[in-house]
Amino acid sequence: MFNFSLNVYRAGLKQGVIPEVIIGSSPHPFAALAGCCLARRLGCRFILEVRDLWPQALIDMQGLADGHPLVWLMRQVEQRLYLHAGRIIVLARGSIPYLKEKGVAEQRIIHIPNGVHPGHFVPLKTREETRSLFNFNRFTIVYTGAHGPANALNVILEAAGELNGESGVEFVLIGDGPVKPDLQAQARKLQLKNLRFLEPVPKSKIPDLLHAADAGIISLKDAPAFYGAVSPNKFFDYLASGLPVLCTAPGDVAGMVKQSGCGLVSPPDNGKALAEQVRALAALTAEQRALMSARGQRLVLDQFCIPELTVKLLQIINDQWG
């Protein structure tokens, strides 16, 4: 994290151009800090984008105390970012109460979620071609993305274990991350015949892969920081591709799935409950699943369409500094 931030700061100083606005995002707080320091050094405006609630996510996931040195340091960075940002963009509405508790005035907070460009999810191959390419020959449930502690992919392995003696369903996990070797070892130990790991797929091939699947799965660790403060890209990718969603992520994401009717929800960290929802989804008729797909695509077009979100971002910049 420190290395990345230092390299960003150095690279920014070498550009030879002074921008009007710098947007610092927070996959971790030191990345956004690099943007903040650059903006102050170059004398330009700074916008903060809050992607994750640091250090709160670390506290909730790892059980660290507020007095831990790393938590203390991140708190200092967090407060500096809130202080110097002209506007603060949040990806999920659930982040707004948290920021207000930290002393941020609500009028400085703008909600712009992640989203998709619908035109980017038109497949180039037929469904049959891609299913043959990836050897999808059962009711295929895919997970695409990071394999990290926050993603709670162990719940998918537990569900696969519950369904291991049944034919007709397969889980395919595509991506990479720090816990992938442990997950692969666990899958071998459980002798799972209905779960496969694939290497990361280029973004350009994701539309074909998703259109070849039958459902997409999203899971997150049962941590309070994730309840209302996440906006997962893969969720919108699934919806744009017309996939029904199996959701084990707590909070707002599960609420969207329930409210829109674009999939099925099970409690977090509960593989047995997820297995039951997999059975329920696979047992639906093609017409019932098609209705879920249509609801998900409508949700994306109505609320998470990138061209419209881009207009909103430009309006924020122009309203404040135009």
C-alpha atoms as a PDB file:
ATOM      1  CA  MET A   1       0.000   0.000   0.000  1.00  0.00           C
ATOM      2  CA  PHE A   2       2.767   2.435   0.955  1.00  0.00           C
ATOM      3  CA  ASN A   3       4.795   1.545  -2.141  1.00  0.00           C
ATOM      4  CA  PHE A   4       1.849   2.056  -4.460  1.00  0.00           C
ATOM      5  CA  SER A   5       0.985   5.435  -2.971  1.00  0.00           C
ATOM      6  CA  LEU A   6       4.565   6.685  -3.111  1.00  0.00           C
ATOM      7  CA  ASN A   7       4.878   5.606  -6.753  1.00  0.00           C
ATOM      8  CA  VAL A   8       1.592   7.344  -7.643  1.00  0.00           C
ATOM      9  CA  TYR A   9       2.781  10.562  -5.989  1.00  0.00           C
ATOM     10  CA  ARG A  10       6.129  10.477  -7.797  1.00  0.00           C
ATOM     11  CA  ALA A  11       4.502   9.694 -11.134  1.00  0.00           C
ATOM     12  CA  GLY A  12       2.062  12.567 -10.667  1.00  0.00           C
ATOM     13  CA  LEU A  13       4.874  15.053 -10.143  1.00  0.00           C
ATOM     14  CA  LYS A  14       6.574  13.916 -13.355  1.00  0.00           C
ATOM     15  CA  GLN A  15       3.591  14.478 -15.643  1.00  0.00           C
ATOM     16  CA  GLY A  16       4.461  18.080 -16.379  1.00  0.00           C
ATOM     17  CA  VAL A  17       0.764  19.044 -16.337  1.00  0.00           C
ATOM     18  CA  ILE A  18      -1.237  20.628 -13.538  1.00  0.00           C
ATOM     19  CA  PRO A  19      -4.780  19.218 -13.651  1.00  0.00           C
ATOM     20  CA  GLU A  20      -7.824  21.170 -12.537  1.00  0.00           C
ATOM     21  CA  VAL A  21      -9.151  18.280 -10.427  1.00  0.00           C
ATOM     22  CA  ILE A  22      -7.656  15.112  -8.934  1.00  0.00           C
ATOM     23  CA  ILE A  23      -9.958  12.295  -7.843  1.00  0.00           C
ATOM     24  CA  GLY A  24      -8.436  10.033  -5.204  1.00  0.00           C
ATOM     25  CA  SER A  25     -10.112   6.642  -4.751  1.00  0.00           C
ATOM     26  CA  SER A  26      -9.809   4.381  -1.724  1.00  0.00           C
ATOM     27  CA  PRO A  27      -9.389   0.697  -2.504  1.00  0.00           C
ATOM     28  CA  HIS A  28      -7.079   1.450   0.414  1.00  0.00           C
ATOM     29  CA  PRO A  29      -6.707   4.839   2.149  1.00  0.00           C
ATOM     30  CA  PHE A  30      -3.087   5.464   1.156  1.00  0.00           C
ATOM     31  CA  ALA A  31      -4.036   5.396  -2.541  1.00  0.00           C
ATOM     32  CA  ALA A  32      -6.459   8.273  -1.971  1.00  0.00           C
ATOM     33  CA  LEU A  33      -3.857  10.006   0.215  1.00  0.00           C
ATOM     34  CA  ALA A  34      -1.465  10.096  -2.749  1.00  0.00           C
ATOM     35  CA  GLY A  35      -4.123  11.954  -4.744  1.00  0.00           C
ATOM     36  CA  CYS A  36      -4.778  14.338  -1.870  1.00  0.00           C
ATOM     37  CA  CYS A  37      -1.074  15.145  -1.432  1.00  0.00           C
ATOM     38  CA  LEU A  38      -0.649  15.639  -5.170  1.00  0.00           C
ATOM     39  CA  ALA A  39      -3.595  18.022  -5.287  1.00  0.00           C
ATOM     40  CA  ARG A  40      -2.161  20.116  -2.443  1.00  0.00           C
ATOM     41  CA  ARG A  41       1.327  20.091  -3.973  1.00  0.00           C
ATOM     42  CA  LEU A  42       0.046  21.099  -7.430  1.00  0.00           C
ATOM     43  CA  GLY A  43      -2.548  23.564  -6.132  1.00  0.00           C
ATOM     44  CA  CYS A  44      -5.592  21.895  -7.702  1.00  0.00           C
ATOM     45  CA  ARG A  45      -8.944  20.676  -6.442  1.00  0.00           C
ATOM     46  CA  PHE A  46      -9.407  17.284  -4.778  1.00  0.00           C
ATOM     47  CA  ILE A  47     -12.375  14.904  -4.822  1.00  0.00           C
ATOM     48  CA  LEU A  48     -12.384  11.802  -2.618  1.00  0.00           C
ATOM     49  CA  GLU A  49     -14.087   8.617  -3.759  1.00  0.00           C
ATOM     50  CA  VAL A  50     -14.876   6.251  -0.872  1.00  0.00           C
ATOM     51  CA  ARG A  51     -14.808   2.659  -2.104  1.00  0.00           C
ATOM     52  CA  ASP A  52     -14.279   0.901   1.217  1.00  0.00           C
ATOM     53  CA  LEU A  53     -14.668   2.134   4.774  1.00  0.00           C
ATOM     54  CA  TRP A  54     -11.080   2.090   6.002  1.00  0.00           C
ATOM     55  CA  PRO A  55     -10.105   1.299   8.685  1.00  0.00           C
ATOM     56  CA  GLN A  56     -13.598   0.117   9.695  1.00  0.00           C
ATOM     57  CA  ALA A  57     -13.477  -2.835   7.293  1.00  0.00           C
ATOM     58  CA  LEU A  58     -10.183  -3.926   8.860  1.00  0.00           C
ATOM     59  CA  ILE A  59     -11.678  -3.685  12.360  1.00  0.00           C
ATOM     60  CA  ASP A  60     -14.792  -5.663  11.409  1.00  0.00           C
ATOM     61  CA  MET A  61     -12.929  -8.354   9.470  1.00  0.00           C
ATOM     62  CA  GLN A  62      -9.838  -8.830  11.607  1.00  0.00           C
ATOM     63  CA  GLY A  63     -11.143  -7.801  15.021  1.00  0.00           C
ATOM     64  CA  LEU A  64      -8.460  -5.155  15.485  1.00  0.00           C
ATOM     65  CA  ALA A  65      -8.919  -2.721  18.348  1.00  0.00           C
ATOM     66  CA  ASP A  66      -9.250   1.012  17.784  1.00  0.00           C
ATOM     67  CA  GLY A  67      -5.946   1.450  19.589  1.00  0.00           C
ATOM     68  CA  HIS A  68      -4.007  -0.768  17.173  1.00  0.00           C
ATOM     69  CA  PRO A  69      -1.184   1.255  15.534  1.00  0.00           C
ATOM     70  CA  LEU A  70      -2.357   0.469  11.995  1.00  0.00           C
ATOM     71  CA  VAL A  71      -5.938   1.441  12.831  1.00  0.00           C
ATOM     72  CA  TRP A  72      -4.717   4.670  14.449  1.00  0.00           C
ATOM     73  CA  LEU A  73      -2.656   5.528  11.364  1.00  0.00           C
ATOM     74  CA  MET A  74      -5.546   4.859   9.008  1.00  0.00           C
ATOM     75  CA  ARG A  75      -7.844   6.981  11.173  1.00  0.00           C
ATOM     76  CA  GLN A  76      -5.429   9.902  10.768  1.00  0.00           C
ATOM     77  CA  VAL A  77      -5.359   9.412   6.999  1.00  0.00           C
ATOM     78  CA  GLU A  78      -9.148   9.071   6.915  1.00  0.00           C
ATOM     79  CA  GLN A  79      -9.680  12.363   8.735  1.00  0.00           C
ATOM     80  CA  ARG A  80      -7.154  14.181   6.537  1.00  0.00           C
ATOM     81  CA  LEU A  81      -8.929  12.978   3.398  1.00  0.00           C
ATOM     82  CA  TYR A  82     -12.342  14.078   4.682  1.00  0.00           C
ATOM     83  CA  LEU A  83     -10.937  17.461   5.671  1.00  0.00           C
ATOM     84  CA  HIS A  84      -9.276  18.323   2.348  1.00  0.00           C
ATOM     85  CA  ALA A  85     -11.805  16.902  -0.121  1.00  0.00           C
ATOM     86  CA  GLY A  86     -14.038  19.440  -1.828  1.00  0.00           C
ATOM     87  CA  ARG A  87     -16.604  16.716  -2.469  1.00  0.00           C
ATOM     88  CA  ILE A  88     -16.814  13.114  -1.298  1.00  0.00           C
ATOM     89  CA  ILE A  89     -18.262  10.500  -3.642  1.00  0.00           C
ATOM     90  CA  VAL A  90     -19.641   7.323  -2.078  1.00  0.00           C
ATOM     91  CA  LEU A  91     -20.386   4.191  -4.079  1.00  0.00           C
ATOM     92  CA  ALA A  92     -23.072   2.972  -1.686  1.00  0.00           C
ATOM     93  CA  ARG A  93     -25.684   4.973   0.219  1.00  0.00           C
ATOM     94  CA  GLY A  94     -24.884   3.017   3.356  1.00  0.00           C
ATOM     95  CA  SER A  95     -21.597   4.912   3.608  1.00  0.00           C
ATOM     96  CA  ILE A  96     -23.376   8.234   4.174  1.00  0.00           C
ATOM     97  CA  PRO A  97     -24.345   7.692   7.862  1.00  0.00           C
ATOM     98  CA  TYR A  98     -20.784   6.540   8.578  1.00  0.00           C
ATOM     99  CA  LEU A  99     -19.311   9.715   7.068  1.00  0.00           C
ATOM    100  CA  LYS A 100     -21.768  11.911   8.929  1.00  0.00           C
ATOM    101  CA  GLU A 101     -20.690  10.248  12.185  1.00  0.00           C
ATOM    102  CA  LYS A 102     -17.130  11.246  11.287  1.00  0.00           C
ATOM    103  CA  GLY A 103     -18.170  14.884  11.016  1.00  0.00           C
ATOM    104  CA  VAL A 104     -18.636  15.179   7.240  1.00  0.00           C
ATOM    105  CA  ALA A 105     -21.483  17.525   6.272  1.00  0.00           C
ATOM    106  CA  GLU A 106     -24.108  15.702   4.210  1.00  0.00           C
ATOM    107  CA  GLN A 107     -24.122  18.371   1.480  1.00  0.00           C
ATOM    108  CA  ARG A 108     -20.496  17.454   0.681  1.00  0.00           C
ATOM    109  CA  ILE A 109     -21.424  13.807   0.033  1.00  0.00           C
ATOM    110  CA  ILE A 110     -22.519  12.600  -3.414  1.00  0.00           C
ATOM    111  CA  HIS A 111     -23.754   9.091  -4.230  1.00  0.00           C
ATOM    112  CA  ILE A 112     -22.420   7.668  -7.525  1.00  0.00           C
ATOM    113  CA  PRO A 113     -22.436   3.849  -7.521  1.00  0.00           C
ATOM    114  CA  ASN A 114     -20.477   1.437  -9.658  1.00  0.00           C
ATOM    115  CA  GLY A 115     -22.247   0.429 -12.827  1.00  0.00           C
ATOM    116  CA  VAL A 116     -21.895  -0.941 -16.327  1.00  0.00           C
ATOM    117  CA  HIS A 117     -22.040   0.267 -19.891  1.00  0.00           C
ATOM    118  CA  PRO A 118     -24.804  -1.924 -21.381  1.00  0.00           C
ATOM    119  CA  GLY A 119     -23.163  -1.876 -24.799  1.00  0.00           C
ATOM    120  CA  HIS A 120     -20.078  -3.575 -23.372  1.00  0.00           C
ATOM    121  CA  PHE A 121     -21.969  -6.759 -22.491  1.00  0.00           C
ATOM    122  CA  VAL A 122     -22.929  -7.931 -25.957  1.00  0.00           C
ATOM    123  CA  PRO A 123     -21.366 -11.374 -26.507  1.00  0.00           C
ATOM    124  CA  LEU A 124     -19.176 -11.987 -29.559  1.00  0.00           C
ATOM    125  CA  LYS A 125     -19.678 -15.760 -29.607  1.00  0.00           C
ATOM    126  CA  THR A 126     -22.803 -17.855 -29.388  1.00  0.00           C
ATOM    127  CA  ARG A 127     -23.737 -19.316 -26.020  1.00  0.00           C
ATOM    128  CA  GLU A 128     -23.097 -22.819 -27.360  1.00  0.00           C
ATOM    129  CA  GLU A 129     -19.595 -21.910 -28.581  1.00  0.00           C
ATOM    130  CA  THR A 130     -18.580 -20.441 -25.242  1.00  0.00           C
ATOM    131  CA  ARG A 131     -20.103 -23.267 -23.220  1.00  0.00           C
ATOM    132  CA  SER A 132     -18.066 -25.698 -25.293  1.00  0.00           C
ATOM    133  CA  LEU A 133     -14.919 -23.561 -24.899  1.00  0.00           C
ATOM    134  CA  PHE A 134     -15.164 -23.485 -21.089  1.00  0.00           C
ATOM    135  CA  ASN A 135     -16.662 -26.978 -20.795  1.00  0.00           C
ATOM    136  CA  PHE A 136     -19.916 -25.724 -19.258  1.00  0.00           C
ATOM    137  CA  ASN A 137     -22.129 -28.812 -19.551  1.00  0.00           C
ATOM    138  CA  ARG A 138     -24.264 -28.533 -16.408  1.00  0.00           C
ATOM    139  CA  PHE A 139     -26.325 -25.824 -14.710  1.00  0.00           C
ATOM    140  CA  THR A 140     -23.360 -23.490 -14.360  1.00  0.00           C
ATOM    141  CA  ILE A 141     -23.018 -20.971 -11.541  1.00  0.00           C
ATOM    142  CA  VAL A 142     -20.071 -18.610 -11.942  1.00  0.00           C
ATOM    143  CA  TYR A 143     -18.150 -16.342  -9.620  1.00  0.00           C
ATOM    144  CA  THR A 144     -15.864 -13.792 -11.279  1.00  0.00           C
ATOM    145  CA  GLY A 145     -13.442 -11.633  -9.345  1.00  0.00           C
ATOM    146  CA  ALA A 146     -11.044 -11.473  -6.441  1.00  0.00           C
ATOM    147  CA  HIS A 147     -10.363 -14.472  -4.232  1.00  0.00           C
ATOM    148  CA  GLY A 148      -9.678 -12.622  -0.986  1.00  0.00           C
ATOM    149  CA  PRO A 149     -10.685 -12.823   2.687  1.00  0.00           C
ATOM    150  CA  ALA A 150     -13.521 -10.327   2.205  1.00  0.00           C
ATOM    151  CA  ASN A 151     -15.123 -12.411  -0.558  1.00  0.00           C
ATOM    152  CA  ALA A 152     -15.996 -15.334   1.740  1.00  0.00           C
ATOM    153  CA  LEU A 153     -15.680 -17.894  -1.058  1.00  0.00           C
ATOM    154  CA  ASN A 154     -15.522 -20.688   1.499  1.00  0.00           C
ATOM    155  CA  VAL A 155     -19.332 -20.492   1.620  1.00  0.00           C
ATOM    156  CA  ILE A 156     -19.430 -21.534  -2.051  1.00  0.00           C
ATOM    157  CA  LEU A 157     -17.221 -24.532  -1.286  1.00  0.00           C
ATOM    158  CA  GLU A 158     -19.522 -25.454   1.598  1.00  0.00           C
ATOM    159  CA  ALA A 159     -22.543 -25.265  -0.707  1.00  0.00           C
ATOM    160  CA  ALA A 160     -20.727 -27.379  -3.279  1.00  0.00           C
ATOM    161  CA  GLY A 161     -20.050 -29.928  -0.550  1.00  0.00           C
ATOM    162  CA  GLU A 162     -23.766 -30.060   0.262  1.00  0.00           C
ATOM    163  CA  LEU A 163     -24.552 -30.683  -3.422  1.00  0.00           C
ATOM    164  CA  ASN A 164     -21.554 -32.909  -4.190  1.00  0.00           C
ATOM    165  CA  GLY A 165     -23.603 -36.095  -4.463  1.00  0.00           C
ATOM    166  CA  GLU A 166     -26.148 -34.522  -6.776  1.00  0.00           C
ATOM    167  CA  SER A 167     -25.723 -34.208 -10.521  1.00  0.00           C
ATOM    168  CA  GLY A 168     -26.628 -31.312 -12.742  1.00  0.00           C
ATOM    169  CA  VAL A 169     -25.001 -28.302 -10.981  1.00  0.00           C
ATOM    170  CA  GLU A 170     -21.455 -26.960 -11.194  1.00  0.00           C
ATOM    171  CA  PHE A 171     -19.732 -23.969  -9.575  1.00  0.00           C
ATOM    172  CA  VAL A 172     -16.962 -22.242 -11.548  1.00  0.00           C
ATOM    173  CA  LEU A 173     -14.737 -19.724  -9.743  1.00  0.00           C
ATOM    174  CA  ILE A 174     -12.829 -17.439 -12.115  1.00  0.00           C
ATOM    175  CA  GLY A 175     -10.106 -15.110 -10.854  1.00  0.00           C
ATOM    176  CA  ASP A 176      -7.195 -14.946  -8.471  1.00  0.00           C
ATOM    177  CA  GLY A 177      -6.278 -13.717  -5.027  1.00  0.00           C
ATOM    178  CA  PRO A 178      -4.401 -14.481  -1.806  1.00  0.00           C
ATOM    179  CA  VAL A 179      -6.768 -17.176  -0.527  1.00  0.00           C
ATOM    180  CA  LYS A 180      -7.091 -19.084  -3.812  1.00  0.00           C
ATOM    181  CA  PRO A 181      -4.429 -21.715  -2.937  1.00  0.00           C
ATOM    182  CA  ASP A 182      -6.167 -22.421   0.379  1.00  0.00           C
ATOM    183  CA  LEU A 183      -9.535 -22.714  -1.360  1.00  0.00           C
ATOM    184  CA  GLN A 184      -8.089 -25.123  -3.913  1.00  0.00           C
ATOM    185  CA  ALA A 185      -6.594 -27.227  -1.125  1.00  0.00           C
ATOM    186  CA  GLN A 186      -9.953 -27.255   0.673  1.00  0.00           C
ATOM    187  CA  ALA A 187     -11.744 -28.319  -2.522  1.00  0.00           C
ATOM    188  CA  ARG A 188      -9.309 -31.217  -2.975  1.00  0.00           C
ATOM    189  CA  LYS A 189      -9.771 -32.273   0.644  1.00  0.00           C
ATOM    190  CA  LEU A 190     -13.562 -32.260   0.211  1.00  0.00           C
ATOM    191  CA  GLN A 191     -13.192 -34.122  -3.109  1.00  0.00           C
ATOM    192  CA  LEU A 192     -15.576 -31.725  -4.802  1.00  0.00           C
ATOM    193  CA  LYS A 193     -16.677 -32.958  -8.219  1.00  0.00           C
ATOM    194  CA  ASN A 194     -18.956 -30.004  -8.881  1.00  0.00           C
ATOM    195  CA  LEU A 195     -16.551 -27.082  -8.479  1.00  0.00           C
ATOM    196  CA  ARG A 196     -13.745 -25.806 -10.708  1.00  0.00           C
ATOM    197  CA  PHE A 197     -11.222 -22.977 -10.495  1.00  0.00           C
ATOM    198  CA  LEU A 198     -10.260 -21.074 -13.639  1.00  0.00           C
ATOM    199  CA  GLU A 199      -7.512 -18.537 -14.150  1.00  0.00           C
ATOM    200  CA  PRO A 200      -8.476 -14.866 -14.578  1.00  0.00           C
ATOM    201  CA  VAL A 201     -10.200 -14.109 -17.877  1.00  0.00           C
ATOM    202  CA  PRO A 202      -9.526 -10.879 -19.831  1.00  0.00           C
ATOM    203  CA  LYS A 203     -12.285  -8.309 -19.360  1.00  0.00           C
ATOM    204  CA  SER A 204     -13.025  -8.473 -23.082  1.00  0.00           C
ATOM    205  CA  LYS A 205     -14.015 -12.146 -22.733  1.00  0.00           C
ATOM    206  CA  ILE A 206     -16.207 -11.712 -19.651  1.00  0.00           C
ATOM    207  CA  PRO A 207     -19.419 -10.944 -21.640  1.00  0.00           C
ATOM    208  CA  ASP A 208     -19.118 -14.239 -23.540  1.00  0.00           C
ATOM    209  CA  LEU A 209     -18.352 -16.173 -20.362  1.00  0.00           C
ATOM    210  CA  LEU A 210     -21.276 -14.697 -18.429  1.00  0.00           C
ATOM    211  CA  HIS A 211     -23.746 -15.272 -21.264  1.00  0.00           C
ATOM    212  CA  ALA A 212     -22.651 -18.910 -21.317  1.00  0.00           C
ATOM    213  CA  ALA A 213     -23.415 -19.375 -17.607  1.00  0.00           C
ATOM    214  CA  ASP A 214     -26.805 -19.938 -15.970  1.00  0.00           C
ATOM    215  CA  ALA A 215     -26.390 -17.844 -12.805  1.00  0.00           C
ATOM    216  CA  GLY A 216     -23.883 -15.589 -11.065  1.00  0.00           C
ATOM    217  CA  ILE A 217     -22.991 -15.710  -7.405  1.00  0.00           C
ATOM    218  CA  ILE A 218     -21.870 -12.907  -5.119  1.00  0.00           C
ATOM    219  CA  SER A 219     -20.634 -13.433  -1.581  1.00  0.00           C
ATOM    220  CA  LEU A 220     -19.102 -11.234   1.085  1.00  0.00           C
ATOM    221  CA  LYS A 221     -17.923 -11.804   4.613  1.00  0.00           C
ATOM    222  CA  ASP A 222     -20.516 -11.103   7.297  1.00  0.00           C
ATOM    223  CA  ALA A 223     -18.910  -7.833   8.462  1.00  0.00           C
ATOM    224  CA  PRO A 224     -20.884  -4.686   9.438  1.00  0.00           C
ATOM    225  CA  ALA A 225     -18.658  -2.506   7.227  1.00  0.00           C
ATOM    226  CA  PHE A 226     -20.036  -4.361   4.185  1.00  0.00           C
ATOM    227  CA  TYR A 227     -23.737  -4.169   5.029  1.00  0.00           C
ATOM    228  CA  GLY A 228     -24.453  -0.872   3.344  1.00  0.00           C
ATOM    229  CA  ALA A 229     -21.116   0.363   2.068  1.00  0.00           C
ATOM    230  CA  VAL A 230     -20.280  -1.830  -0.928  1.00  0.00           C
ATOM    231  CA  SER A 231     -21.108  -1.555  -4.628  1.00  0.00           C
ATOM    232  CA  PRO A 232     -19.648  -4.718  -6.203  1.00  0.00           C
ATOM    233  CA  ASN A 233     -18.770  -4.481  -9.893  1.00  0.00           C
ATOM    234  CA  LYS A 234     -19.454  -8.157 -10.481  1.00  0.00           C
ATOM    235  CA  PHE A 235     -23.068  -7.730  -9.330  1.00  0.00           C
ATOM    236  CA  PHE A 236     -23.759  -5.250 -12.118  1.00  0.00           C
ATOM    237  CA  ASP A 237     -21.826  -7.362 -14.635  1.00  0.00           C
ATOM    238  CA  TYR A 238     -24.090 -10.314 -13.841  1.00  0.00           C
ATOM    239  CA  LEU A 239     -27.234  -8.243 -14.199  1.00  0.00           C
ATOM    240  CA  ALA A 240     -26.144  -6.643 -17.471  1.00  0.00           C
ATOM    241  CA  SER A 241     -25.443 -10.118 -18.858  1.00  0.00           C
ATOM    242  CA  GLY A 242     -28.909 -11.311 -17.911  1.00  0.00           C
ATOM    243  CA  LEU A 243     -27.798 -13.716 -15.188  1.00  0.00           C
ATOM    244  CA  PRO A 244     -30.037 -14.471 -12.207  1.00  0.00           C
ATOM    245  CA  VAL A 245     -28.058 -13.720  -9.046  1.00  0.00           C
ATOM    246  CA  LEU A 246     -27.437 -15.921  -6.030  1.00  0.00           C
ATOM    247  CA  CYS A 247     -26.533 -13.522  -3.236  1.00  0.00           C
ATOM    248  CA  THR A 248     -24.907 -14.362   0.092  1.00  0.00           C
ATOM    249  CA  ALA A 249     -23.703 -10.777   0.609  1.00  0.00           C
ATOM    250  CA  PRO A 250     -25.434  -9.109   3.563  1.00  0.00           C
ATOM    251  CA  GLY A 251     -27.042  -5.683   3.547  1.00  0.00           C
ATOM    252  CA  ASP A 252     -27.896  -3.438   0.623  1.00  0.00           C
ATOM    253  CA  VAL A 253     -26.904  -5.855  -2.147  1.00  0.00           C
ATOM    254  CA  ALA A 254     -29.212  -8.541  -0.788  1.00  0.00           C
ATOM    255  CA  GLY A 255     -31.922  -5.892  -0.449  1.00  0.00           C
ATOM    256  CA  MET A 256     -31.606  -4.961  -4.130  1.00  0.00           C
ATOM    257  CA  VAL A 257     -31.866  -8.608  -5.184  1.00  0.00           C
ATOM    258  CA  LYS A 258     -34.983  -9.125  -3.077  1.00  0.00           C
ATOM    259  CA  GLN A 259     -36.648  -5.866  -4.071  1.00  0.00           C
ATOM    260  CA  SER A 260     -36.031  -6.247  -7.793  1.00  0.00           C
ATOM    261  CA  GLY A 261     -36.672  -9.997  -7.912  1.00  0.00           C
ATOM    262  CA  CYS A 262     -33.521 -10.573  -9.976  1.00  0.00           C
ATOM    263  CA  GLY A 263     -32.361 -13.617  -8.008  1.00  0.00           C
ATOM    264  CA  LEU A 264     -32.366 -15.449  -4.687  1.00  0.00           C
ATOM    265  CA  VAL A 265     -30.800 -14.530  -1.343  1.00  0.00           C
ATOM    266  CA  SER A 266     -29.339 -16.673   1.421  1.00  0.00           C
ATOM    267  CA  PRO A 267     -27.733 -15.674   4.739  1.00  0.00           C
ATOM    268  CA  PRO A 268     -23.984 -14.921   4.712  1.00  0.00           C
ATOM    269  CA  ASP A 269     -21.496 -17.583   5.790  1.00  0.00           C
ATOM    270  CA  ASN A 270     -24.119 -20.334   5.476  1.00  0.00           C
ATOM    271  CA  GLY A 271     -23.230 -22.931   2.856  1.00  0.00           C
ATOM    272  CA  LYS A 272     -26.210 -25.147   3.596  1.00  0.00           C
ATOM    273  CA  ALA A 273     -28.661 -22.294   3.036  1.00  0.00           C
ATOM    274  CA  LEU A 274     -26.875 -21.362  -0.195  1.00  0.00           C
ATOM    275  CA  ALA A 275     -27.157 -24.952  -1.411  1.00  0.00           C
ATOM    276  CA  GLU A 276     -30.913 -24.835  -0.838  1.00  0.00           C
ATOM    277  CA  GLN A 277     -31.198 -21.668  -2.928  1.00  0.00           C
ATOM    278  CA  VAL A 278     -29.114 -23.271  -5.681  1.00  0.00           C
ATOM    279  CA  ARG A 279     -31.550 -26.172  -5.763  1.00  0.00           C
ATOM    280  CA  ALA A 280     -34.464 -23.746  -5.867  1.00  0.00           C
ATOM    281  CA  LEU A 281     -32.973 -21.718  -8.728  1.00  0.00           C
ATOM    282  CA  ALA A 282     -32.064 -24.782 -10.777  1.00  0.00           C
ATOM    283  CA  ALA A 283     -35.593 -26.142 -10.319  1.00  0.00           C
ATOM    284  CA  LEU A 284     -37.234 -23.046 -11.833  1.00  0.00           C
ATOM    285  CA  THR A 285     -38.456 -23.155 -15.398  1.00  0.00           C
ATOM    286  CA  ALA A 286     -36.499 -21.382 -18.122  1.00  0.00           C
ATOM    287  CA  GLU A 287     -39.305 -18.814 -18.306  1.00  0.00           C
ATOM    288  CA  GLN A 288     -39.082 -18.058 -14.574  1.00  0.00           C
ATOM    289  CA  ARG A 289     -35.330 -17.545 -14.780  1.00  0.00           C
ATOM    290  CA  ALA A 290     -35.776 -15.390 -17.883  1.00  0.00           C
ATOM    291  CA  LEU A 291     -38.097 -13.152 -15.864  1.00  0.00           C
ATOM    292  CA  MET A 292     -35.383 -12.767 -13.197  1.00  0.00           C
ATOM    293  CA  SER A 293     -32.923 -11.877 -15.956  1.00  0.00           C
ATOM    294  CA  ALA A 294     -35.200  -9.204 -17.370  1.00  0.00           C
ATOM    295  CA  ARG A 295     -35.698  -7.659 -13.921  1.00  0.00           C
ATOM    296  CA  GLY A 296     -31.935  -7.492 -13.378  1.00  0.00           C
ATOM    297  CA  GLN A 297     -31.304  -5.849 -16.730  1.00  0.00           C
ATOM    298  CA  ARG A 298     -34.034  -3.308 -16.025  1.00  0.00           C
ATOM    299  CA  LEU A 299     -32.422  -2.499 -12.653  1.00  0.00           C
ATOM    300  CA  VAL A 300     -29.074  -1.859 -14.359  1.00  0.00           C
ATOM    301  CA  LEU A 301     -30.588   0.390 -17.023  1.00  0.00           C
ATOM    302  CA  ASP A 302     -32.614   2.371 -14.485  1.00  0.00           C
ATOM    303  CA  GLN A 303     -29.983   2.926 -11.775  1.00  0.00           C
ATOM    304  CA  PHE A 304     -26.502   1.743 -12.762  1.00  0.00           C
ATOM    305  CA  CYS A 305     -25.931   2.834 -16.348  1.00  0.00           C
ATOM    306  CA  ILE A 306     -22.416   4.297 -16.697  1.00  0.00           C
ATOM    307  CA  PRO A 307     -23.259   6.943 -19.336  1.00  0.00           C
ATOM    308  CA  GLU A 308     -25.795   8.449 -16.945  1.00  0.00           C
ATOM    309  CA  LEU A 309     -23.472   8.148 -13.948  1.00  0.00           C
ATOM    310  CA  THR A 310     -20.758   9.916 -15.946  1.00  0.00           C
ATOM    311  CA  VAL A 311     -23.070  12.857 -16.586  1.00  0.00           C
ATOM    312  CA  LYS A 312     -23.693  13.060 -12.838  1.00  0.00           C
ATOM    313  CA  LEU A 313     -19.949  13.138 -12.093  1.00  0.00           C
ATOM    314  CA  LEU A 314     -19.357  15.897 -14.664  1.00  0.00           C
ATOM    315  CA  GLN A 315     -22.234  17.874 -13.198  1.00  0.00           C
ATOM    316  CA  ILE A 316     -20.655  17.673  -9.727  1.00  0.00           C
ATOM    317  CA  ILE A 317     -17.343  18.974 -11.067  1.00  0.00           C
ATOM    318  CA  ASN A 318     -18.962  21.751 -13.090  1.00  0.00           C
ATOM    319  CA  ASP A 319     -21.373  22.813 -10.338  1.00  0.00           C
ATOM    320  CA  GLN A 320     -18.548  23.277  -7.838  1.00  0.00           C
ATOM    321  CA  TRP A 321     -15.725  24.499 -10.018  1.00  0.00           C
ATOM    322  CA  GLY A 322     -17.098  25.259 -13.480  1.00  0.00           C
END
